Amino acid sequence: MRVIEFHRSGWIYIVLSIVMGVLALNGGNNFHYLAEAAILGYMLSSGIAGYTNIRRAEVSLSFPDEIYARSPFLLNVAVRNKSRVPVYMIDVSVEGERVFFPVIQPGETVSKHIPFTLRSRGINEISGIELSSDYPFNFFTRYWPVSFVGKATAFPAPVDLRADDARVWLEPEGREGENIADPAAGVDIIGVRPYVEGDPMRMIHWKSSARTGKLNSRLYDGSGRPETRMIDLDSLVSDFGLEAGLSVASHEISRAMRSGFSIGMADRGMIWAPSPSRPDKLSMLSSLALYE
């Protein structure tokens, strides 16, 4: 790990101190001795100030609860000032993404966001964190070790493969006519509306679509049972392969999260009952992220 990095101005200052030292030794001039002492003292005070400044800072990361692989999100970077004096010119690098904190007051924690991307689904560790500072004179950049290791779970990258409904949604069970994959089961038709991407094929009103030349979907009585769907993960993985199947399921759960309808999932004998709640949908996404 890097400890210190010399800037061009720092090298010039070092060369200047060496030249002045040679002049002082060869010339025996008291002025040269005083100038050399001032230059070395200035360098010493800069080193002490820079070292004490950076060691007062403590960095941490926090992640949003919804992260998808290969999709950018905003990573929260927080720096806390552990001391009773201000901290200046703190630079944090997280795997190459940098964020700068000009001043942090005593006892204060300052947070900023940087765009970040996790490359693969599952648990990702972020250990490439660097804390550095050019304070006080920009001669050198000093680095301080960061022991914090961030861990975040990335859900499968959502992919809409426009798969046929029968291969995405679980087939009906129970009494005839009751279909958990059919948002219209037991609900009266009150009209038609323009087709919205993601509407099940069974909702399309083919007669009006043929008449108008544009796809239309049936409009159901809103007083009936809310839209409910059940993902057949086993069929998805079997038909599209592991990663593609997980991505299709991730897309449907993500869409349900934004649309507000209930969704459940069947996975190798395990059943997530359809639910409209965000925590339940996040639980399903987490299971997809850790799928083996």
Foldseek 3Di string as FASTA:
>chain_A
DDFKFFDPLLVVLVVVLVVLVVCCVVVVDVVSVVVSVVSVVVVVVQVVVFVVQQVQKAKDKDDDLAAAAPDKDKIKIKIFGAAQAKHAWKWKAFPRWIDTDGIAHHGGMDIDIDIDHHHAAAKDKTQPMWIWGCPDPNRMIGTDDHPDIDIDGHFYAADAPVDAPPLWFDAADDDPQDGQADQCGPWAFDAKAADDPPPHPVQWDVVVCVVVVGIIGTDTDPVDDGRGTETELVSLCVPPNLRRSSNNVLNVLVVLLVVQTWYWYDDPNDTQPTDSDPVSSSVVRSCSSVPD
